[in-house]
């Protein structure tokens, strides 16, 4: 099953934001609190509360960033 191309910007935003939230929240938790027995549960909670902010942000900002990059690169 493939997703129609017209949904590519939404799929891109969903995947990019999910990957970034997972990586950044794990890094922040590990550096601020260390790895501990409740790390996984705390990390998942952090991901689930942060992703709803990250997803629309990426969806809104990504087209603007692509335009800026297109203007400043050869």
PDB file of N, CA and C in Angstrom:
ATOM      1  N   UNK A   1       0.834  -1.180   0.000  1.00  0.00           N
ATOM      2  CA  UNK A   1       0.000   0.000   0.000  1.00  0.00           C
ATOM      3  C   UNK A   1       0.880   1.245   0.000  1.00  0.00           C
ATOM      4  N   UNK A   2       0.609   2.127  -0.933  1.00  0.00           N
ATOM      5  CA  UNK A   2       1.381   3.363  -1.027  1.00  0.00           C
ATOM      6  C   UNK A   2       0.471   4.553  -0.755  1.00  0.00           C
ATOM      7  N   UNK A   3       1.052   5.582  -0.203  1.00  0.00           N
ATOM      8  CA  UNK A   3       0.322   6.816   0.085  1.00  0.00           C
ATOM      9  C   UNK A   3       0.392   7.689  -1.156  1.00  0.00           C
ATOM     10  N   UNK A   4      -0.727   8.279  -1.578  1.00  0.00           N
ATOM     11  CA  UNK A   4      -0.700   9.149  -2.762  1.00  0.00           C
ATOM     12  C   UNK A   4       0.283  10.312  -2.597  1.00  0.00           C
ATOM     13  N   UNK A   5       0.917  10.700  -3.689  1.00  0.00           N
ATOM     14  CA  UNK A   5       1.950  11.742  -3.676  1.00  0.00           C
ATOM     15  C   UNK A   5       1.441  13.074  -3.145  1.00  0.00           C
ATOM     16  N   UNK A   6       0.158  13.334  -3.283  1.00  0.00           N
ATOM     17  CA  UNK A   6      -0.366  14.624  -2.807  1.00  0.00           C
ATOM     18  C   UNK A   6      -0.246  14.772  -1.281  1.00  0.00           C
ATOM     19  N   UNK A   7      -0.067  13.644  -0.590  1.00  0.00           N
ATOM     20  CA  UNK A   7       0.098  13.682   0.865  1.00  0.00           C
ATOM     21  C   UNK A   7       1.565  13.731   1.292  1.00  0.00           C
ATOM     22  N   UNK A   8       2.472  13.821   0.341  1.00  0.00           N
ATOM     23  CA  UNK A   8       3.907  13.800   0.650  1.00  0.00           C
ATOM     24  C   UNK A   8       4.325  14.861   1.673  1.00  0.00           C
ATOM     25  N   UNK A   9       3.858  16.109   1.579  1.00  0.00           N
ATOM     26  CA  UNK A   9       4.280  17.087   2.591  1.00  0.00           C
ATOM     27  C   UNK A   9       3.843  16.720   4.010  1.00  0.00           C
ATOM     28  N   UNK A  10       2.666  16.135   4.143  1.00  0.00           N
ATOM     29  CA  UNK A  10       2.178  15.746   5.467  1.00  0.00           C
ATOM     30  C   UNK A  10       2.966  14.538   5.985  1.00  0.00           C
ATOM     31  N   UNK A  11       3.210  13.562   5.121  1.00  0.00           N
ATOM     32  CA  UNK A  11       3.988  12.381   5.524  1.00  0.00           C
ATOM     33  C   UNK A  11       5.401  12.803   5.899  1.00  0.00           C
ATOM     34  N   UNK A  12       6.001  13.681   5.097  1.00  0.00           N
ATOM     35  CA  UNK A  12       7.335  14.203   5.395  1.00  0.00           C
ATOM     36  C   UNK A  12       7.344  14.859   6.770  1.00  0.00           C
ATOM     37  N   UNK A  13       6.385  15.733   7.030  1.00  0.00           N
ATOM     38  CA  UNK A  13       6.319  16.441   8.314  1.00  0.00           C
ATOM     39  C   UNK A  13       6.127  15.476   9.474  1.00  0.00           C
ATOM     40  N   UNK A  14       5.275  14.485   9.289  1.00  0.00           N
ATOM     41  CA  UNK A  14       5.023  13.510  10.355  1.00  0.00           C
ATOM     42  C   UNK A  14       6.280  12.710  10.677  1.00  0.00           C
ATOM     43  N   UNK A  15       6.942  12.203   9.636  1.00  0.00           N
ATOM     44  CA  UNK A  15       8.132  11.393   9.870  1.00  0.00           C
ATOM     45  C   UNK A  15       9.294  12.214  10.432  1.00  0.00           C
ATOM     46  N   UNK A  16       9.543  13.361   9.837  1.00  0.00           N
ATOM     47  CA  UNK A  16      10.655  14.190  10.317  1.00  0.00           C
ATOM     48  C   UNK A  16      10.436  14.616  11.759  1.00  0.00           C
ATOM     49  N   UNK A  17       9.236  15.076  12.081  1.00  0.00           N
ATOM     50  CA  UNK A  17       8.983  15.525  13.446  1.00  0.00           C
ATOM     51  C   UNK A  17       9.053  14.364  14.430  1.00  0.00           C
ATOM     52  N   UNK A  18       8.562  13.193  14.068  1.00  0.00           N
ATOM     53  CA  UNK A  18       8.628  12.043  14.971  1.00  0.00           C
ATOM     54  C   UNK A  18      10.073  11.619  15.229  1.00  0.00           C
ATOM     55  N   UNK A  19      10.875  11.592  14.174  1.00  0.00           N
ATOM     56  CA  UNK A  19      12.284  11.222  14.334  1.00  0.00           C
ATOM     57  C   UNK A  19      13.016  12.243  15.196  1.00  0.00           C
ATOM     58  N   UNK A  20      12.810  13.512  14.913  1.00  0.00           N
ATOM     59  CA  UNK A  20      13.497  14.563  15.674  1.00  0.00           C
ATOM     60  C   UNK A  20      13.065  14.566  17.138  1.00  0.00           C
ATOM     61  N   UNK A  21      11.781  14.438  17.389  1.00  0.00           N
ATOM     62  CA  UNK A  21      11.288  14.414  18.773  1.00  0.00           C
ATOM     63  C   UNK A  21      11.889  13.226  19.520  1.00  0.00           C
ATOM     64  N   UNK A  22      11.923  12.067  18.889  1.00  0.00           N
ATOM     65  CA  UNK A  22      12.467  10.884  19.547  1.00  0.00           C
ATOM     66  C   UNK A  22      13.939  11.066  19.900  1.00  0.00           C
ATOM     67  N   UNK A  23      14.716  11.563  18.954  1.00  0.00           N
ATOM     68  CA  UNK A  23      16.153  11.736  19.182  1.00  0.00           C
ATOM     69  C   UNK A  23      16.432  12.826  20.207  1.00  0.00           C
ATOM     70  N   UNK A  24      15.830  13.976  20.023  1.00  0.00           N
ATOM     71  CA  UNK A  24      16.118  15.108  20.912  1.00  0.00           C
ATOM     72  C   UNK A  24      15.618  14.843  22.331  1.00  0.00           C
ATOM     73  N   UNK A  25      14.425  14.290  22.471  1.00  0.00           N
ATOM     74  CA  UNK A  25      13.920  14.039  23.822  1.00  0.00           C
ATOM     75  C   UNK A  25      14.760  12.981  24.543  1.00  0.00           C
ATOM     76  N   UNK A  26      15.214  11.958  23.824  1.00  0.00           N
ATOM     77  CA  UNK A  26      16.090  10.962  24.448  1.00  0.00           C
ATOM     78  C   UNK A  26      17.410  11.600  24.883  1.00  0.00           C
ATOM     79  N   UNK A  27      17.962  12.439  24.034  1.00  0.00           N
ATOM     80  CA  UNK A  27      19.228  13.102  24.371  1.00  0.00           C
ATOM     81  C   UNK A  27      19.069  14.008  25.588  1.00  0.00           C
ATOM     82  N   UNK A  28      18.017  14.823  25.589  1.00  0.00           N
ATOM     83  CA  UNK A  28      17.805  15.753  26.707  1.00  0.00           C
ATOM     84  C   UNK A  28      17.568  14.996  28.012  1.00  0.00           C
ATOM     85  N   UNK A  29      16.747  13.971  27.962  1.00  0.00           N
ATOM     86  CA  UNK A  29      16.508  13.193  29.179  1.00  0.00           C
ATOM     87  C   UNK A  29      17.777  12.501  29.665  1.00  0.00           C
ATOM     88  N   UNK A  30      18.526  11.922  28.753  1.00  0.00           N
ATOM     89  CA  UNK A  30      19.744  11.204  29.148  1.00  0.00           C
ATOM     90  C   UNK A  30      20.785  12.150  29.735  1.00  0.00           C
ATOM     91  N   UNK A  31      20.926  13.331  29.147  1.00  0.00           N
ATOM     92  CA  UNK A  31      21.940  14.261  29.666  1.00  0.00           C
ATOM     93  C   UNK A  31      21.489  14.952  30.947  1.00  0.00           C
ATOM     94  N   UNK A  32      20.198  15.157  31.107  1.00  0.00           N
ATOM     95  CA  UNK A  32      19.740  15.867  32.306  1.00  0.00           C
ATOM     96  C   UNK A  32      19.488  14.932  33.485  1.00  0.00           C
ATOM     97  N   UNK A  33      19.047  13.694  33.217  1.00  0.00           N
ATOM     98  CA  UNK A  33      18.691  12.793  34.316  1.00  0.00           C
ATOM     99  C   UNK A  33      19.449  11.479  34.297  1.00  0.00           C
ATOM    100  N   UNK A  34      20.176  11.221  33.224  1.00  0.00           N
ATOM    101  CA  UNK A  34      20.890   9.959  33.112  1.00  0.00           C
ATOM    102  C   UNK A  34      19.951   8.822  32.748  1.00  0.00           C
ATOM    103  N   UNK A  35      20.541   7.684  32.451  1.00  0.00           N
ATOM    104  CA  UNK A  35      19.747   6.504  32.154  1.00  0.00           C
ATOM    105  C   UNK A  35      19.358   5.849  33.481  1.00  0.00           C
ATOM    106  N   UNK A  36      18.068   5.655  33.681  1.00  0.00           N
ATOM    107  CA  UNK A  36      17.581   5.090  34.932  1.00  0.00           C
ATOM    108  C   UNK A  36      16.436   4.127  34.625  1.00  0.00           C
ATOM    109  N   UNK A  37      15.917   3.498  35.630  1.00  0.00           N
ATOM    110  CA  UNK A  37      14.916   2.455  35.419  1.00  0.00           C
ATOM    111  C   UNK A  37      13.632   2.971  34.777  1.00  0.00           C
ATOM    112  N   UNK A  38      13.273   4.211  35.002  1.00  0.00           N
ATOM    113  CA  UNK A  38      12.056   4.762  34.413  1.00  0.00           C
ATOM    114  C   UNK A  38      12.294   5.560  33.141  1.00  0.00           C
ATOM    115  N   UNK A  39      13.500   5.436  32.595  1.00  0.00           N
ATOM    116  CA  UNK A  39      13.869   6.250  31.432  1.00  0.00           C
ATOM    117  C   UNK A  39      12.937   6.028  30.249  1.00  0.00           C
ATOM    118  N   UNK A  40      12.671   4.781  29.902  1.00  0.00           N
ATOM    119  CA  UNK A  40      11.852   4.486  28.728  1.00  0.00           C
ATOM    120  C   UNK A  40      10.444   5.077  28.851  1.00  0.00           C
ATOM    121  N   UNK A  41       9.824   4.899  30.004  1.00  0.00           N
ATOM    122  CA  UNK A  41       8.476   5.442  30.211  1.00  0.00           C
ATOM    123  C   UNK A  41       8.488   6.968  30.155  1.00  0.00           C
ATOM    124  N   UNK A  42       9.485   7.571  30.764  1.00  0.00           N
ATOM    125  CA  UNK A  42       9.593   9.030  30.753  1.00  0.00           C
ATOM    126  C   UNK A  42       9.867   9.550  29.345  1.00  0.00           C
ATOM    127  N   UNK A  43      10.705   8.827  28.602  1.00  0.00           N
ATOM    128  CA  UNK A  43      11.011   9.216  27.232  1.00  0.00           C
ATOM    129  C   UNK A  43       9.769   9.141  26.355  1.00  0.00           C
ATOM    130  N   UNK A  44       9.017   8.043  26.458  1.00  0.00           N
ATOM    131  CA  UNK A  44       7.788   7.906  25.677  1.00  0.00           C
ATOM    132  C   UNK A  44       6.783   9.007  26.025  1.00  0.00           C
ATOM    133  N   UNK A  45       6.650   9.316  27.295  1.00  0.00           N
ATOM    134  CA  UNK A  45       5.750  10.389  27.709  1.00  0.00           C
ATOM    135  C   UNK A  45       6.197  11.718  27.107  1.00  0.00           C
ATOM    136  N   UNK A  46       7.483  11.960  27.119  1.00  0.00           N
ATOM    137  CA  UNK A  46       8.024  13.178  26.531  1.00  0.00           C
ATOM    138  C   UNK A  46       7.739  13.237  25.033  1.00  0.00           C
ATOM    139  N   UNK A  47       7.918  12.128  24.345  1.00  0.00           N
ATOM    140  CA  UNK A  47       7.637  12.080  22.905  1.00  0.00           C
ATOM    141  C   UNK A  47       6.165  12.355  22.619  1.00  0.00           C
ATOM    142  N   UNK A  48       5.285  11.713  23.361  1.00  0.00           N
ATOM    143  CA  UNK A  48       3.843  11.864  23.123  1.00  0.00           C
ATOM    144  C   UNK A  48       3.340  13.268  23.440  1.00  0.00           C
ATOM    145  N   UNK A  49       3.978  13.961  24.375  1.00  0.00           N
ATOM    146  CA  UNK A  49       3.541  15.319  24.683  1.00  0.00           C
ATOM    147  C   UNK A  49       4.192  16.364  23.786  1.00  0.00           C
ATOM    148  N   UNK A  50       5.338  16.054  23.232  1.00  0.00           N
ATOM    149  CA  UNK A  50       6.063  17.012  22.396  1.00  0.00           C
ATOM    150  C   UNK A  50       5.696  16.922  20.919  1.00  0.00           C
ATOM    151  N   UNK A  51       5.424  15.723  20.418  1.00  0.00           N
ATOM    152  CA  UNK A  51       5.156  15.545  18.989  1.00  0.00           C
ATOM    153  C   UNK A  51       3.975  16.370  18.472  1.00  0.00           C
ATOM    154  N   UNK A  52       2.888  16.524  19.228  1.00  0.00           N
ATOM    155  CA  UNK A  52       1.797  17.359  18.708  1.00  0.00           C
ATOM    156  C   UNK A  52       2.189  18.825  18.468  1.00  0.00           C
ATOM    157  N   UNK A  53       3.251  19.270  19.077  1.00  0.00           N
ATOM    158  CA  UNK A  53       3.764  20.613  18.821  1.00  0.00           C
ATOM    159  C   UNK A  53       4.726  20.572  17.629  1.00  0.00           C
ATOM    160  N   UNK A  54       5.582  19.566  17.595  1.00  0.00           N
ATOM    161  CA  UNK A  54       6.600  19.469  16.546  1.00  0.00           C
ATOM    162  C   UNK A  54       5.990  19.234  15.161  1.00  0.00           C
ATOM    163  N   UNK A  55       4.964  18.398  15.068  1.00  0.00           N
ATOM    164  CA  UNK A  55       4.389  18.059  13.770  1.00  0.00           C
ATOM    165  C   UNK A  55       3.838  19.280  13.032  1.00  0.00           C
ATOM    166  N   UNK A  56       2.942  20.068  13.619  1.00  0.00           N
ATOM    167  CA  UNK A  56       2.472  21.234  12.868  1.00  0.00           C
ATOM    168  C   UNK A  56       3.564  22.275  12.638  1.00  0.00           C
ATOM    169  N   UNK A  57       4.514  22.362  13.563  1.00  0.00           N
ATOM    170  CA  UNK A  57       5.618  23.296  13.374  1.00  0.00           C
ATOM    171  C   UNK A  57       6.412  22.925  12.128  1.00  0.00           C
ATOM    172  N   UNK A  58       6.766  21.658  11.981  1.00  0.00           N
ATOM    173  CA  UNK A  58       7.502  21.218  10.794  1.00  0.00           C
ATOM    174  C   UNK A  58       6.648  21.421   9.544  1.00  0.00           C
ATOM    175  N   UNK A  59       5.372  21.103   9.625  1.00  0.00           N
ATOM    176  CA  UNK A  59       4.488  21.249   8.464  1.00  0.00           C
ATOM    177  C   UNK A  59       4.413  22.697   7.990  1.00  0.00           C
ATOM    178  N   UNK A  60       4.448  23.628   8.922  1.00  0.00           N
ATOM    179  CA  UNK A  60       4.353  25.048   8.581  1.00  0.00           C
ATOM    180  C   UNK A  60       5.710  25.613   8.165  1.00  0.00           C
ATOM    181  N   UNK A  61       6.764  25.228   8.860  1.00  0.00           N
ATOM    182  CA  UNK A  61       8.089  25.824   8.655  1.00  0.00           C
ATOM    183  C   UNK A  61       8.852  25.206   7.481  1.00  0.00           C
ATOM    184  N   UNK A  62       8.666  23.923   7.203  1.00  0.00           N
ATOM    185  CA  UNK A  62       9.451  23.236   6.161  1.00  0.00           C
ATOM    186  C   UNK A  62       9.372  23.914   4.791  1.00  0.00           C
ATOM    187  N   UNK A  63       8.202  24.301   4.301  1.00  0.00           N
ATOM    188  CA  UNK A  63       8.173  24.968   2.986  1.00  0.00           C
ATOM    189  C   UNK A  63       8.971  26.278   2.972  1.00  0.00           C
ATOM    190  N   UNK A  64       8.902  27.019   4.049  1.00  0.00           N
ATOM    191  CA  UNK A  64       9.659  28.268   4.147  1.00  0.00           C
ATOM    192  C   UNK A  64      11.164  27.970   4.133  1.00  0.00           C
ATOM    193  N   UNK A  65      11.593  26.958   4.892  1.00  0.00           N
ATOM    194  CA  UNK A  65      13.013  26.592   4.939  1.00  0.00           C
ATOM    195  C   UNK A  65      13.484  26.133   3.558  1.00  0.00           C
ATOM    196  N   UNK A  66      12.672  25.346   2.862  1.00  0.00           N
ATOM    197  CA  UNK A  66      13.051  24.916   1.504  1.00  0.00           C
ATOM    198  C   UNK A  66      13.248  26.129   0.594  1.00  0.00           C
ATOM    199  N   UNK A  67      12.374  27.121   0.713  1.00  0.00           N
ATOM    200  CA  UNK A  67      12.494  28.337  -0.091  1.00  0.00           C
ATOM    201  C   UNK A  67      13.759  29.109   0.227  1.00  0.00           C
ATOM    202  N   UNK A  68      14.070  29.247   1.505  1.00  0.00           N
ATOM    203  CA  UNK A  68      15.286  29.947   1.925  1.00  0.00           C
ATOM    204  C   UNK A  68      16.515  29.211   1.395  1.00  0.00           C
ATOM    205  N   UNK A  69      16.534  27.907   1.570  1.00  0.00           N
ATOM    206  CA  UNK A  69      17.677  27.118   1.086  1.00  0.00           C
ATOM    207  C   UNK A  69      17.816  27.251  -0.434  1.00  0.00           C
ATOM    208  N   UNK A  70      16.708  27.245  -1.148  1.00  0.00           N
ATOM    209  CA  UNK A  70      16.748  27.414  -2.588  1.00  0.00           C
ATOM    210  C   UNK A  70      17.312  28.756  -3.014  1.00  0.00           C
ATOM    211  N   UNK A  71      17.049  29.788  -2.209  1.00  0.00           N
ATOM    212  CA  UNK A  71      17.560  31.127  -2.543  1.00  0.00           C
ATOM    213  C   UNK A  71      19.019  31.324  -2.189  1.00  0.00           C
ATOM    214  N   UNK A  72      19.510  30.619  -1.171  1.00  0.00           N
ATOM    215  CA  UNK A  72      20.893  30.865  -0.727  1.00  0.00           C
ATOM    216  C   UNK A  72      21.888  29.839  -1.253  1.00  0.00           C
ATOM    217  N   UNK A  73      21.416  28.851  -1.990  1.00  0.00           N
ATOM    218  CA  UNK A  73      22.330  27.864  -2.557  1.00  0.00           C
ATOM    219  C   UNK A  73      22.391  28.007  -4.070  1.00  0.00           C
ATOM    220  N   UNK A  74      23.512  27.577  -4.616  1.00  0.00           N
ATOM    221  CA  UNK A  74      23.708  27.698  -6.062  1.00  0.00           C
ATOM    222  C   UNK A  74      23.095  26.555  -6.812  1.00  0.00           C
TER     223      UNK A  74
END
